[in-house]
C-alpha cells in the first residue's frame, strides 16, 4: 500500500484481527505508528490508536501508547468536537494497561459524550469496552448490560450482527466492531479469545 492515508491504514488493520492473523495485525500497527504516530493532531492520533494498536493485542509498548493517549487530551477542551474519540482512546489505553478504574472513568466520559450523537461504531466500541471493564471489576450485571447495549446498537447501526450489509455503515467499521465484540464475548462468556462469534 505504500504510505497510504491514515484512513486507509485504519480501514485494513482490523481485517487482520478479524481473520485471526496476529502477525499481520501487529505489523500493520507498527507501520501505522511509524507513519502517523508523530502527528501533532490529537484527533488523528486518537483515531489511530483506537482503530489500530488498542483494538487488540498489538504488542506495542504501553509506555508509548499511554503517553500518546495522554498527549491527545492535553490542552484539548471537552467542547472540542472530537473529544469523545480522545476519551475513548484514553479509556481503551487504560484498559489495555490493566488499569480498570481509570479505564472505567474514561469510558464513562466517552459514553456521556456519545449520547449527544446518533449511534456509531465508536459508541458500539465504547459499550463493548465498558462491558469488559466492568467484567474485570467483578461487576457482572453492569458488564452484561453494557454488552447487550453494544449488541443492540450494532444491530441498529449495521442492520444485523453477523453479516455486513452494504449501505449500513462502512465495512471496516463493522469489522472493527466485530473484533471488539468477539473479545468481549470471549471474556464475558469464558470462551477462547479470537474465536468468531
N, C-alpha and C. Protein backbone atom coordinates (compact mmCIF):
# COMPACT_ATOMS: atom_id res chain seq x y z
N UNK A 1 0.81 -1.20 0.00
CA UNK A 1 0.00 0.00 0.00
C UNK A 1 0.85 1.26 0.00
N UNK A 2 2.16 1.14 0.20
CA UNK A 2 2.98 2.33 0.27
C UNK A 2 2.65 3.11 1.52
N UNK A 3 2.78 4.43 1.45
CA UNK A 3 2.46 5.25 2.61
C UNK A 3 0.97 5.22 2.89
N UNK A 4 0.14 5.41 1.88
CA UNK A 4 -1.30 5.41 2.09
C UNK A 4 -1.73 6.55 3.00
N UNK A 5 -2.99 6.60 3.30
CA UNK A 5 -3.51 7.61 4.23
C UNK A 5 -3.82 6.92 5.56
N UNK A 6 -3.98 7.73 6.60
CA UNK A 6 -4.32 7.15 7.90
C UNK A 6 -5.66 6.42 7.82
N UNK A 7 -6.61 6.93 7.03
CA UNK A 7 -7.90 6.26 6.89
C UNK A 7 -7.74 4.90 6.22
N UNK A 8 -6.89 4.82 5.19
CA UNK A 8 -6.66 3.52 4.55
C UNK A 8 -6.06 2.52 5.53
N UNK A 9 -5.10 2.97 6.33
CA UNK A 9 -4.48 2.06 7.30
C UNK A 9 -5.48 1.65 8.36
N UNK A 10 -6.30 2.61 8.83
CA UNK A 10 -7.32 2.26 9.82
C UNK A 10 -8.30 1.25 9.24
N UNK A 11 -8.58 1.39 7.95
CA UNK A 11 -9.57 0.52 7.31
C UNK A 11 -9.11 -0.92 7.20
N UNK A 12 -7.82 -1.15 7.00
CA UNK A 12 -7.35 -2.53 6.78
C UNK A 12 -6.84 -3.21 8.04
N UNK A 13 -6.56 -2.46 9.09
CA UNK A 13 -5.91 -3.06 10.26
C UNK A 13 -6.80 -4.07 10.96
N UNK A 14 -8.08 -3.74 11.14
CA UNK A 14 -8.98 -4.67 11.83
C UNK A 14 -9.22 -5.94 11.02
N UNK A 15 -9.03 -5.87 9.71
CA UNK A 15 -9.22 -7.06 8.88
C UNK A 15 -8.31 -8.19 9.33
N UNK A 16 -7.06 -7.86 9.64
CA UNK A 16 -6.11 -8.89 10.10
C UNK A 16 -6.58 -9.50 11.42
N UNK A 17 -7.10 -8.68 12.33
CA UNK A 17 -7.62 -9.21 13.60
C UNK A 17 -8.83 -10.09 13.36
N UNK A 18 -9.71 -9.64 12.48
CA UNK A 18 -10.92 -10.41 12.18
C UNK A 18 -10.57 -11.79 11.63
N UNK A 19 -9.50 -11.84 10.84
CA UNK A 19 -9.06 -13.11 10.25
C UNK A 19 -8.14 -13.89 11.17
N UNK A 20 -7.96 -13.39 12.40
CA UNK A 20 -7.09 -14.03 13.40
C UNK A 20 -5.64 -14.12 12.94
N UNK A 21 -5.20 -13.13 12.16
CA UNK A 21 -3.81 -13.06 11.69
C UNK A 21 -3.07 -12.05 12.57
N UNK A 22 -2.63 -12.52 13.73
CA UNK A 22 -1.98 -11.66 14.71
C UNK A 22 -0.71 -11.02 14.17
N UNK A 23 0.04 -11.78 13.38
CA UNK A 23 1.30 -11.26 12.85
C UNK A 23 1.05 -10.07 11.92
N UNK A 24 0.09 -10.20 11.00
CA UNK A 24 -0.24 -9.09 10.08
C UNK A 24 -0.78 -7.90 10.86
N UNK A 25 -1.62 -8.16 11.86
CA UNK A 25 -2.16 -7.06 12.68
C UNK A 25 -1.04 -6.29 13.36
N UNK A 26 -0.13 -7.00 13.99
CA UNK A 26 0.97 -6.32 14.69
C UNK A 26 1.86 -5.55 13.71
N UNK A 27 2.11 -6.14 12.55
CA UNK A 27 2.92 -5.47 11.52
C UNK A 27 2.24 -4.18 11.08
N UNK A 28 0.92 -4.23 10.87
CA UNK A 28 0.19 -3.04 10.43
C UNK A 28 0.16 -1.97 11.51
N UNK A 29 0.03 -2.40 12.76
CA UNK A 29 0.05 -1.42 13.86
C UNK A 29 1.39 -0.72 13.94
N UNK A 30 2.48 -1.47 13.81
CA UNK A 30 3.82 -0.85 13.83
C UNK A 30 3.96 0.16 12.71
N UNK A 31 3.45 -0.21 11.51
CA UNK A 31 3.56 0.67 10.35
C UNK A 31 2.72 1.94 10.54
N UNK A 32 1.51 1.78 11.08
CA UNK A 32 0.65 2.94 11.35
C UNK A 32 1.35 3.91 12.30
N UNK A 33 1.93 3.38 13.38
CA UNK A 33 2.61 4.24 14.35
C UNK A 33 3.82 4.91 13.73
N UNK A 34 4.53 4.17 12.90
CA UNK A 34 5.71 4.73 12.23
C UNK A 34 5.31 5.88 11.29
N UNK A 35 4.25 5.68 10.52
CA UNK A 35 3.84 6.68 9.53
C UNK A 35 3.15 7.89 10.14
N UNK A 36 2.32 7.68 11.15
CA UNK A 36 1.44 8.76 11.61
C UNK A 36 1.57 9.08 13.10
N UNK A 37 2.36 8.30 13.83
CA UNK A 37 2.42 8.44 15.28
C UNK A 37 3.04 9.72 15.80
N UNK A 38 3.71 10.48 14.96
CA UNK A 38 4.32 11.73 15.40
C UNK A 38 3.45 12.95 15.09
N UNK A 39 2.25 12.72 14.63
CA UNK A 39 1.36 13.83 14.27
C UNK A 39 1.07 14.70 15.49
N UNK A 40 0.87 15.99 15.23
CA UNK A 40 0.51 16.93 16.31
C UNK A 40 -1.01 17.06 16.43
N UNK A 41 -1.75 16.35 15.57
CA UNK A 41 -3.21 16.44 15.57
C UNK A 41 -3.77 15.41 16.55
N UNK A 42 -4.35 15.87 17.69
CA UNK A 42 -4.84 14.91 18.68
C UNK A 42 -5.95 14.01 18.15
N UNK A 43 -6.80 14.53 17.27
CA UNK A 43 -7.89 13.70 16.73
C UNK A 43 -7.31 12.56 15.88
N UNK A 44 -6.31 12.87 15.05
CA UNK A 44 -5.70 11.83 14.21
C UNK A 44 -5.07 10.75 15.09
N UNK A 45 -4.34 11.17 16.12
CA UNK A 45 -3.67 10.20 16.99
C UNK A 45 -4.69 9.33 17.71
N UNK A 46 -5.79 9.94 18.21
CA UNK A 46 -6.78 9.14 18.93
C UNK A 46 -7.46 8.14 18.00
N UNK A 47 -7.75 8.55 16.76
CA UNK A 47 -8.31 7.61 15.79
C UNK A 47 -7.31 6.50 15.51
N UNK A 48 -6.07 6.88 15.30
CA UNK A 48 -5.00 5.91 15.01
C UNK A 48 -4.89 4.87 16.11
N UNK A 49 -4.89 5.33 17.37
CA UNK A 49 -4.76 4.40 18.50
C UNK A 49 -5.97 3.48 18.61
N UNK A 50 -7.17 4.06 18.53
CA UNK A 50 -8.39 3.27 18.72
C UNK A 50 -8.59 2.25 17.62
N UNK A 51 -8.30 2.62 16.37
CA UNK A 51 -8.53 1.72 15.24
C UNK A 51 -7.36 0.77 15.03
N UNK A 52 -6.22 1.06 15.65
CA UNK A 52 -5.02 0.24 15.45
C UNK A 52 -4.60 -0.50 16.69
N UNK A 53 -3.52 -0.04 17.33
CA UNK A 53 -2.90 -0.82 18.40
C UNK A 53 -3.76 -1.08 19.63
N UNK A 54 -4.80 -0.29 19.88
CA UNK A 54 -5.64 -0.53 21.06
C UNK A 54 -6.83 -1.43 20.78
N UNK A 55 -7.03 -1.80 19.52
CA UNK A 55 -8.17 -2.67 19.17
C UNK A 55 -7.92 -4.12 19.57
N UNK A 56 -6.68 -4.49 19.79
CA UNK A 56 -6.35 -5.87 20.17
C UNK A 56 -4.99 -5.92 20.81
N UNK A 57 -4.40 -7.09 20.87
CA UNK A 57 -3.07 -7.25 21.44
C UNK A 57 -2.04 -6.99 20.36
N UNK A 58 -1.67 -5.72 20.21
CA UNK A 58 -0.79 -5.30 19.11
C UNK A 58 0.68 -5.54 19.40
N UNK A 59 1.01 -5.79 20.65
CA UNK A 59 2.41 -5.94 21.01
C UNK A 59 3.12 -4.62 21.15
N UNK A 60 2.43 -3.50 20.87
CA UNK A 60 3.04 -2.18 21.00
C UNK A 60 3.22 -1.86 22.48
N UNK A 61 4.28 -1.16 22.79
CA UNK A 61 4.60 -0.84 24.17
C UNK A 61 3.57 0.14 24.75
N UNK A 62 3.03 -0.20 25.90
CA UNK A 62 2.10 0.71 26.57
C UNK A 62 2.81 1.94 27.09
N UNK A 63 4.14 1.86 27.24
CA UNK A 63 4.91 3.05 27.62
C UNK A 63 4.92 4.07 26.48
N UNK A 64 4.58 3.64 25.27
CA UNK A 64 4.44 4.55 24.13
C UNK A 64 2.98 4.94 23.96
N UNK A 65 2.07 3.97 24.05
CA UNK A 65 0.66 4.22 23.75
C UNK A 65 -0.03 5.09 24.81
N UNK A 66 0.25 4.84 26.09
CA UNK A 66 -0.39 5.63 27.15
C UNK A 66 -0.01 7.11 27.06
N UNK A 67 1.27 7.46 26.90
CA UNK A 67 1.60 8.88 26.75
C UNK A 67 0.98 9.50 25.50
N UNK A 68 0.85 8.71 24.42
CA UNK A 68 0.20 9.26 23.23
C UNK A 68 -1.26 9.58 23.52
N UNK A 69 -1.94 8.69 24.24
CA UNK A 69 -3.33 8.95 24.61
C UNK A 69 -3.44 10.16 25.53
N UNK A 70 -2.49 10.29 26.46
CA UNK A 70 -2.48 11.46 27.35
C UNK A 70 -2.23 12.74 26.58
N UNK A 71 -1.32 12.67 25.63
CA UNK A 71 -0.97 13.86 24.84
C UNK A 71 -2.17 14.34 24.03
N UNK A 72 -3.00 13.41 23.57
CA UNK A 72 -4.21 13.79 22.82
C UNK A 72 -5.12 14.66 23.67
N UNK A 73 -5.20 14.34 24.96
CA UNK A 73 -6.12 15.05 25.86
C UNK A 73 -5.54 16.36 26.37
N UNK A 74 -4.22 16.45 26.41
CA UNK A 74 -3.57 17.64 26.98
C UNK A 74 -3.94 18.88 26.16
N UNK A 75 -4.54 19.81 26.81
CA UNK A 75 -4.85 21.07 26.15
C UNK A 75 -6.04 21.03 25.20
N UNK A 76 -6.74 19.90 25.13
CA UNK A 76 -7.90 19.81 24.25
C UNK A 76 -9.16 19.98 25.10
N UNK A 77 -9.92 21.04 24.89
CA UNK A 77 -11.10 21.26 25.73
C UNK A 77 -12.17 20.20 25.50
N UNK A 78 -12.99 19.96 26.52
CA UNK A 78 -14.06 18.98 26.40
C UNK A 78 -15.09 19.39 25.36
N UNK A 79 -15.10 20.64 24.99
CA UNK A 79 -16.04 21.11 23.97
C UNK A 79 -15.54 20.84 22.56
N UNK A 80 -14.31 20.37 22.43
CA UNK A 80 -13.75 20.04 21.11
C UNK A 80 -14.62 18.95 20.47
N UNK A 81 -14.99 19.08 19.18
CA UNK A 81 -15.91 18.11 18.57
C UNK A 81 -15.41 16.67 18.56
N UNK A 82 -14.09 16.45 18.67
CA UNK A 82 -13.56 15.09 18.68
C UNK A 82 -13.19 14.60 20.07
N UNK A 83 -13.62 15.32 21.12
CA UNK A 83 -13.23 14.94 22.48
C UNK A 83 -13.70 13.53 22.84
N UNK A 84 -14.84 13.10 22.30
CA UNK A 84 -15.31 11.74 22.59
C UNK A 84 -14.33 10.69 22.11
N UNK A 85 -13.71 10.92 20.93
CA UNK A 85 -12.71 9.95 20.45
C UNK A 85 -11.47 9.95 21.35
N UNK A 86 -11.10 11.14 21.81
CA UNK A 86 -9.94 11.23 22.70
C UNK A 86 -10.21 10.44 23.98
N UNK A 87 -11.42 10.61 24.53
CA UNK A 87 -11.78 9.89 25.76
C UNK A 87 -11.86 8.39 25.52
N UNK A 88 -12.40 7.99 24.38
CA UNK A 88 -12.47 6.55 24.06
C UNK A 88 -11.07 5.96 23.95
N UNK A 89 -10.18 6.63 23.20
CA UNK A 89 -8.81 6.12 23.05
C UNK A 89 -8.11 6.03 24.40
N UNK A 90 -8.32 7.03 25.25
CA UNK A 90 -7.71 7.00 26.60
C UNK A 90 -8.27 5.83 27.41
N UNK A 91 -9.59 5.63 27.35
CA UNK A 91 -10.19 4.51 28.07
C UNK A 91 -9.69 3.16 27.57
N UNK A 92 -9.55 3.03 26.24
CA UNK A 92 -9.02 1.79 25.66
C UNK A 92 -7.58 1.57 26.10
N UNK A 93 -6.78 2.65 26.13
CA UNK A 93 -5.37 2.54 26.54
C UNK A 93 -5.27 2.10 28.00
N UNK A 94 -6.10 2.69 28.85
CA UNK A 94 -6.08 2.31 30.26
C UNK A 94 -6.52 0.85 30.43
N UNK A 95 -7.50 0.43 29.67
CA UNK A 95 -7.94 -0.97 29.72
C UNK A 95 -6.79 -1.90 29.33
N UNK A 96 -6.12 -1.59 28.21
CA UNK A 96 -5.01 -2.43 27.76
C UNK A 96 -3.87 -2.46 28.77
N UNK A 97 -3.73 -1.36 29.54
CA UNK A 97 -2.67 -1.30 30.57
C UNK A 97 -3.09 -2.01 31.84
N UNK A 98 -4.35 -2.49 31.90
CA UNK A 98 -4.82 -3.19 33.08
C UNK A 98 -5.23 -2.29 34.22
N UNK A 99 -5.42 -1.01 33.95
CA UNK A 99 -5.82 -0.04 34.97
C UNK A 99 -7.32 0.19 34.85
N UNK A 100 -8.08 -0.70 35.47
CA UNK A 100 -9.53 -0.76 35.24
C UNK A 100 -10.28 0.43 35.80
N UNK A 101 -9.87 0.96 36.93
CA UNK A 101 -10.58 2.12 37.49
C UNK A 101 -10.44 3.32 36.55
N UNK A 102 -9.23 3.54 36.04
CA UNK A 102 -9.00 4.64 35.11
C UNK A 102 -9.72 4.38 33.78
N UNK A 103 -9.71 3.13 33.32
CA UNK A 103 -10.41 2.78 32.09
C UNK A 103 -11.90 3.10 32.23
N UNK A 104 -12.48 2.70 33.35
CA UNK A 104 -13.90 2.95 33.57
C UNK A 104 -14.20 4.45 33.55
N UNK A 105 -13.37 5.23 34.22
CA UNK A 105 -13.57 6.68 34.27
C UNK A 105 -13.63 7.27 32.85
N UNK A 106 -12.67 6.90 32.02
CA UNK A 106 -12.60 7.50 30.68
C UNK A 106 -13.65 6.93 29.74
N UNK A 107 -13.97 5.67 29.87
CA UNK A 107 -15.01 5.09 29.02
C UNK A 107 -16.38 5.66 29.37
N UNK A 108 -16.63 5.93 30.65
CA UNK A 108 -17.89 6.56 31.04
C UNK A 108 -17.96 8.00 30.51
N UNK A 109 -16.82 8.69 30.48
CA UNK A 109 -16.79 10.03 29.86
C UNK A 109 -17.12 9.93 28.38
N UNK A 110 -16.53 8.95 27.72
CA UNK A 110 -16.82 8.77 26.29
C UNK A 110 -18.30 8.46 26.08
N UNK A 111 -18.85 7.60 26.93
CA UNK A 111 -20.27 7.25 26.81
C UNK A 111 -21.14 8.49 26.96
N UNK A 112 -20.84 9.33 27.93
CA UNK A 112 -21.63 10.54 28.17
C UNK A 112 -21.54 11.48 26.97
N UNK A 113 -20.37 11.58 26.38
CA UNK A 113 -20.21 12.46 25.22
C UNK A 113 -20.89 11.88 23.99
N UNK A 114 -20.87 10.54 23.85
CA UNK A 114 -21.52 9.91 22.70
C UNK A 114 -23.02 10.12 22.71
N UNK A 115 -23.60 10.29 23.88
CA UNK A 115 -25.05 10.44 23.95
C UNK A 115 -25.55 11.65 23.17
N UNK A 116 -24.66 12.55 22.80
CA UNK A 116 -25.06 13.71 22.01
C UNK A 116 -25.16 13.38 20.52
N UNK A 117 -24.67 12.24 20.12
CA UNK A 117 -24.62 11.87 18.72
C UNK A 117 -25.50 10.66 18.46
N UNK A 118 -25.80 10.40 17.19
CA UNK A 118 -26.56 9.19 16.91
C UNK A 118 -25.62 7.99 16.91
N UNK A 119 -26.16 6.79 16.93
CA UNK A 119 -25.37 5.56 17.04
C UNK A 119 -24.25 5.54 16.01
N UNK A 120 -23.10 5.03 16.42
CA UNK A 120 -21.95 4.95 15.53
C UNK A 120 -21.05 3.81 15.99
N UNK A 121 -20.05 3.51 15.17
CA UNK A 121 -19.11 2.44 15.51
C UNK A 121 -18.37 2.76 16.80
N UNK A 122 -18.02 4.03 17.02
CA UNK A 122 -17.32 4.41 18.24
C UNK A 122 -18.16 4.18 19.48
N UNK A 123 -19.45 4.47 19.38
CA UNK A 123 -20.34 4.24 20.53
C UNK A 123 -20.45 2.75 20.81
N UNK A 124 -20.55 1.95 19.76
CA UNK A 124 -20.63 0.49 19.92
C UNK A 124 -19.37 -0.01 20.64
N UNK A 125 -18.21 0.45 20.18
CA UNK A 125 -16.94 0.04 20.81
C UNK A 125 -16.88 0.47 22.26
N UNK A 126 -17.40 1.66 22.56
CA UNK A 126 -17.41 2.14 23.94
C UNK A 126 -18.17 1.18 24.84
N UNK A 127 -19.34 0.73 24.39
CA UNK A 127 -20.14 -0.18 25.21
C UNK A 127 -19.46 -1.54 25.37
N UNK A 128 -18.81 -2.04 24.33
CA UNK A 128 -18.12 -3.33 24.46
C UNK A 128 -16.92 -3.21 25.41
N UNK A 129 -16.17 -2.09 25.32
CA UNK A 129 -15.06 -1.90 26.25
C UNK A 129 -15.56 -1.69 27.67
N UNK A 130 -16.68 -1.00 27.82
CA UNK A 130 -17.26 -0.87 29.16
C UNK A 130 -17.64 -2.24 29.72
N UNK A 131 -18.21 -3.10 28.88
CA UNK A 131 -18.60 -4.43 29.36
C UNK A 131 -17.38 -5.20 29.85
N UNK A 132 -16.27 -5.11 29.11
CA UNK A 132 -15.06 -5.83 29.51
C UNK A 132 -14.47 -5.24 30.79
N UNK A 133 -14.53 -3.92 30.90
CA UNK A 133 -14.00 -3.26 32.10
C UNK A 133 -14.82 -3.64 33.32
N UNK A 134 -16.14 -3.56 33.20
CA UNK A 134 -17.00 -3.96 34.33
C UNK A 134 -16.76 -5.42 34.71
N UNK A 135 -16.58 -6.28 33.71
CA UNK A 135 -16.32 -7.69 33.99
C UNK A 135 -15.05 -7.85 34.83
N UNK A 136 -14.00 -7.15 34.43
CA UNK A 136 -12.73 -7.26 35.15
C UNK A 136 -12.81 -6.63 36.55
N UNK A 137 -13.79 -5.76 36.75
CA UNK A 137 -14.01 -5.18 38.07
C UNK A 137 -15.01 -6.00 38.90
N UNK A 138 -15.37 -7.20 38.38
CA UNK A 138 -16.31 -8.11 39.06
C UNK A 138 -17.69 -7.48 39.25
N UNK A 139 -18.13 -6.73 38.25
CA UNK A 139 -19.46 -6.12 38.27
C UNK A 139 -20.25 -6.74 37.11
N UNK A 140 -20.64 -8.00 37.32
CA UNK A 140 -21.19 -8.83 36.24
C UNK A 140 -22.47 -8.27 35.62
N UNK A 141 -23.38 -7.76 36.43
CA UNK A 141 -24.64 -7.26 35.89
C UNK A 141 -24.42 -6.05 34.99
N UNK A 142 -23.54 -5.15 35.42
CA UNK A 142 -23.24 -3.97 34.60
C UNK A 142 -22.51 -4.39 33.32
N UNK A 143 -21.64 -5.39 33.45
CA UNK A 143 -20.93 -5.89 32.26
C UNK A 143 -21.92 -6.43 31.23
N UNK A 144 -22.88 -7.23 31.68
CA UNK A 144 -23.88 -7.79 30.76
C UNK A 144 -24.73 -6.70 30.13
N UNK A 145 -25.13 -5.73 30.94
CA UNK A 145 -25.99 -4.64 30.44
C UNK A 145 -25.28 -3.83 29.36
N UNK A 146 -24.02 -3.51 29.57
CA UNK A 146 -23.27 -2.73 28.56
C UNK A 146 -23.04 -3.57 27.30
N UNK A 147 -22.77 -4.84 27.49
CA UNK A 147 -22.59 -5.73 26.33
C UNK A 147 -23.87 -5.80 25.50
N UNK A 148 -25.01 -5.98 26.17
CA UNK A 148 -26.29 -6.04 25.46
C UNK A 148 -26.59 -4.73 24.75
N UNK A 149 -26.25 -3.62 25.39
CA UNK A 149 -26.45 -2.31 24.75
C UNK A 149 -25.60 -2.20 23.49
N UNK A 150 -24.36 -2.68 23.55
CA UNK A 150 -23.49 -2.69 22.38
C UNK A 150 -24.08 -3.51 21.25
N UNK A 151 -24.62 -4.69 21.59
CA UNK A 151 -25.25 -5.55 20.56
C UNK A 151 -26.44 -4.87 19.91
N UNK A 152 -27.29 -4.22 20.74
CA UNK A 152 -28.48 -3.54 20.18
C UNK A 152 -28.08 -2.41 19.25
N UNK A 153 -27.07 -1.64 19.65
CA UNK A 153 -26.59 -0.54 18.81
C UNK A 153 -25.97 -1.08 17.52
N UNK A 154 -25.27 -2.19 17.63
CA UNK A 154 -24.65 -2.79 16.45
C UNK A 154 -25.72 -3.23 15.45
N UNK A 155 -26.78 -3.85 15.95
CA UNK A 155 -27.89 -4.23 15.08
C UNK A 155 -28.54 -3.02 14.44
N UNK A 156 -28.73 -1.99 15.25
CA UNK A 156 -29.36 -0.76 14.75
C UNK A 156 -28.49 -0.09 13.68
N UNK A 157 -27.20 0.03 13.96
CA UNK A 157 -26.31 0.78 13.07
C UNK A 157 -25.96 0.01 11.80
N UNK A 158 -25.71 -1.30 11.97
CA UNK A 158 -25.27 -2.10 10.83
C UNK A 158 -26.39 -2.95 10.22
N UNK A 159 -27.56 -2.95 10.81
CA UNK A 159 -28.67 -3.73 10.27
C UNK A 159 -28.59 -5.21 10.58
N UNK A 160 -27.69 -5.62 11.45
CA UNK A 160 -27.53 -7.01 11.83
C UNK A 160 -26.23 -7.19 12.58
N UNK A 161 -26.04 -8.39 13.12
CA UNK A 161 -24.85 -8.65 13.92
C UNK A 161 -23.78 -9.45 13.20
N UNK A 162 -24.17 -10.42 12.42
CA UNK A 162 -23.20 -11.41 11.96
C UNK A 162 -22.83 -11.34 10.49
N UNK A 163 -23.40 -10.40 9.77
CA UNK A 163 -23.04 -10.28 8.36
C UNK A 163 -23.11 -8.82 7.96
N UNK A 164 -22.06 -8.34 7.31
CA UNK A 164 -22.06 -6.95 6.87
C UNK A 164 -23.11 -6.74 5.78
N UNK A 165 -23.86 -5.67 5.90
CA UNK A 165 -24.88 -5.33 4.92
C UNK A 165 -24.48 -4.02 4.24
N UNK A 166 -24.15 -4.05 2.94
CA UNK A 166 -23.77 -2.83 2.24
C UNK A 166 -24.81 -1.73 2.45
N UNK A 167 -24.29 -0.51 2.65
CA UNK A 167 -25.16 0.63 2.87
C UNK A 167 -25.47 0.86 4.34
N UNK A 168 -25.06 -0.06 5.21
CA UNK A 168 -25.29 0.08 6.65
C UNK A 168 -23.94 0.28 7.34
N UNK A 169 -23.47 1.50 7.39
CA UNK A 169 -22.15 1.78 7.95
C UNK A 169 -21.07 1.33 6.97
N UNK A 170 -19.84 1.60 7.31
CA UNK A 170 -18.70 1.22 6.47
C UNK A 170 -18.25 -0.19 6.84
N UNK A 171 -17.79 -0.96 5.83
CA UNK A 171 -17.37 -2.34 6.07
C UNK A 171 -16.27 -2.43 7.11
N UNK A 172 -15.32 -1.48 7.10
CA UNK A 172 -14.21 -1.56 8.04
C UNK A 172 -14.68 -1.23 9.46
N UNK A 173 -15.72 -0.41 9.59
CA UNK A 173 -16.29 -0.15 10.91
C UNK A 173 -16.94 -1.42 11.47
N UNK A 174 -17.65 -2.13 10.59
CA UNK A 174 -18.28 -3.39 11.00
C UNK A 174 -17.22 -4.39 11.47
N UNK A 175 -16.12 -4.51 10.72
CA UNK A 175 -15.04 -5.43 11.11
C UNK A 175 -14.47 -5.05 12.47
N UNK A 176 -14.21 -3.76 12.65
CA UNK A 176 -13.63 -3.27 13.91
C UNK A 176 -14.56 -3.61 15.07
N UNK A 177 -15.84 -3.34 14.90
CA UNK A 177 -16.82 -3.66 15.96
C UNK A 177 -16.91 -5.17 16.20
N UNK A 178 -16.82 -5.97 15.14
CA UNK A 178 -16.87 -7.43 15.30
C UNK A 178 -15.68 -7.92 16.11
N UNK A 179 -14.51 -7.37 15.84
CA UNK A 179 -13.30 -7.77 16.56
C UNK A 179 -13.45 -7.48 18.05
N UNK A 180 -13.92 -6.28 18.37
CA UNK A 180 -14.09 -5.89 19.77
C UNK A 180 -15.21 -6.70 20.41
N UNK A 181 -16.27 -6.95 19.65
CA UNK A 181 -17.38 -7.78 20.14
C UNK A 181 -16.89 -9.19 20.48
N UNK A 182 -16.08 -9.78 19.60
CA UNK A 182 -15.56 -11.13 19.85
C UNK A 182 -14.75 -11.18 21.14
N UNK A 183 -13.93 -10.15 21.36
CA UNK A 183 -13.13 -10.12 22.58
C UNK A 183 -14.04 -10.03 23.81
N UNK A 184 -15.06 -9.17 23.73
CA UNK A 184 -15.99 -9.04 24.86
C UNK A 184 -16.74 -10.34 25.10
N UNK A 185 -17.19 -10.99 24.04
CA UNK A 185 -17.89 -12.27 24.17
C UNK A 185 -17.00 -13.33 24.81
N UNK A 186 -15.76 -13.38 24.36
CA UNK A 186 -14.84 -14.37 24.91
C UNK A 186 -14.60 -14.13 26.40
N UNK A 187 -14.46 -12.87 26.78
CA UNK A 187 -14.20 -12.54 28.18
C UNK A 187 -15.43 -12.80 29.04
N UNK A 188 -16.59 -12.32 28.61
CA UNK A 188 -17.80 -12.46 29.41
C UNK A 188 -18.31 -13.90 29.44
N UNK A 189 -18.10 -14.61 28.32
CA UNK A 189 -18.59 -15.98 28.25
C UNK A 189 -17.58 -17.02 28.64
N UNK A 190 -16.34 -16.59 28.89
CA UNK A 190 -15.30 -17.54 29.25
C UNK A 190 -14.85 -18.39 28.09
N UNK A 191 -15.12 -17.91 26.84
CA UNK A 191 -14.72 -18.67 25.65
C UNK A 191 -13.27 -18.37 25.29
N UNK A 192 -12.78 -19.12 24.34
CA UNK A 192 -11.42 -18.90 23.86
C UNK A 192 -11.37 -17.60 23.08
N UNK A 193 -10.45 -16.65 23.42
CA UNK A 193 -10.39 -15.39 22.71
C UNK A 193 -10.03 -15.58 21.23
N UNK A 194 -10.49 -14.66 20.41
CA UNK A 194 -10.16 -14.68 18.99
C UNK A 194 -11.04 -15.58 18.16
N UNK A 195 -12.01 -16.20 18.77
CA UNK A 195 -12.91 -17.11 18.04
C UNK A 195 -14.05 -16.29 17.43
N UNK A 196 -14.44 -16.63 16.21
CA UNK A 196 -15.54 -15.91 15.58
C UNK A 196 -16.83 -16.09 16.36
N UNK A 197 -17.65 -15.01 16.45
CA UNK A 197 -18.91 -15.17 17.17
C UNK A 197 -19.88 -16.04 16.41
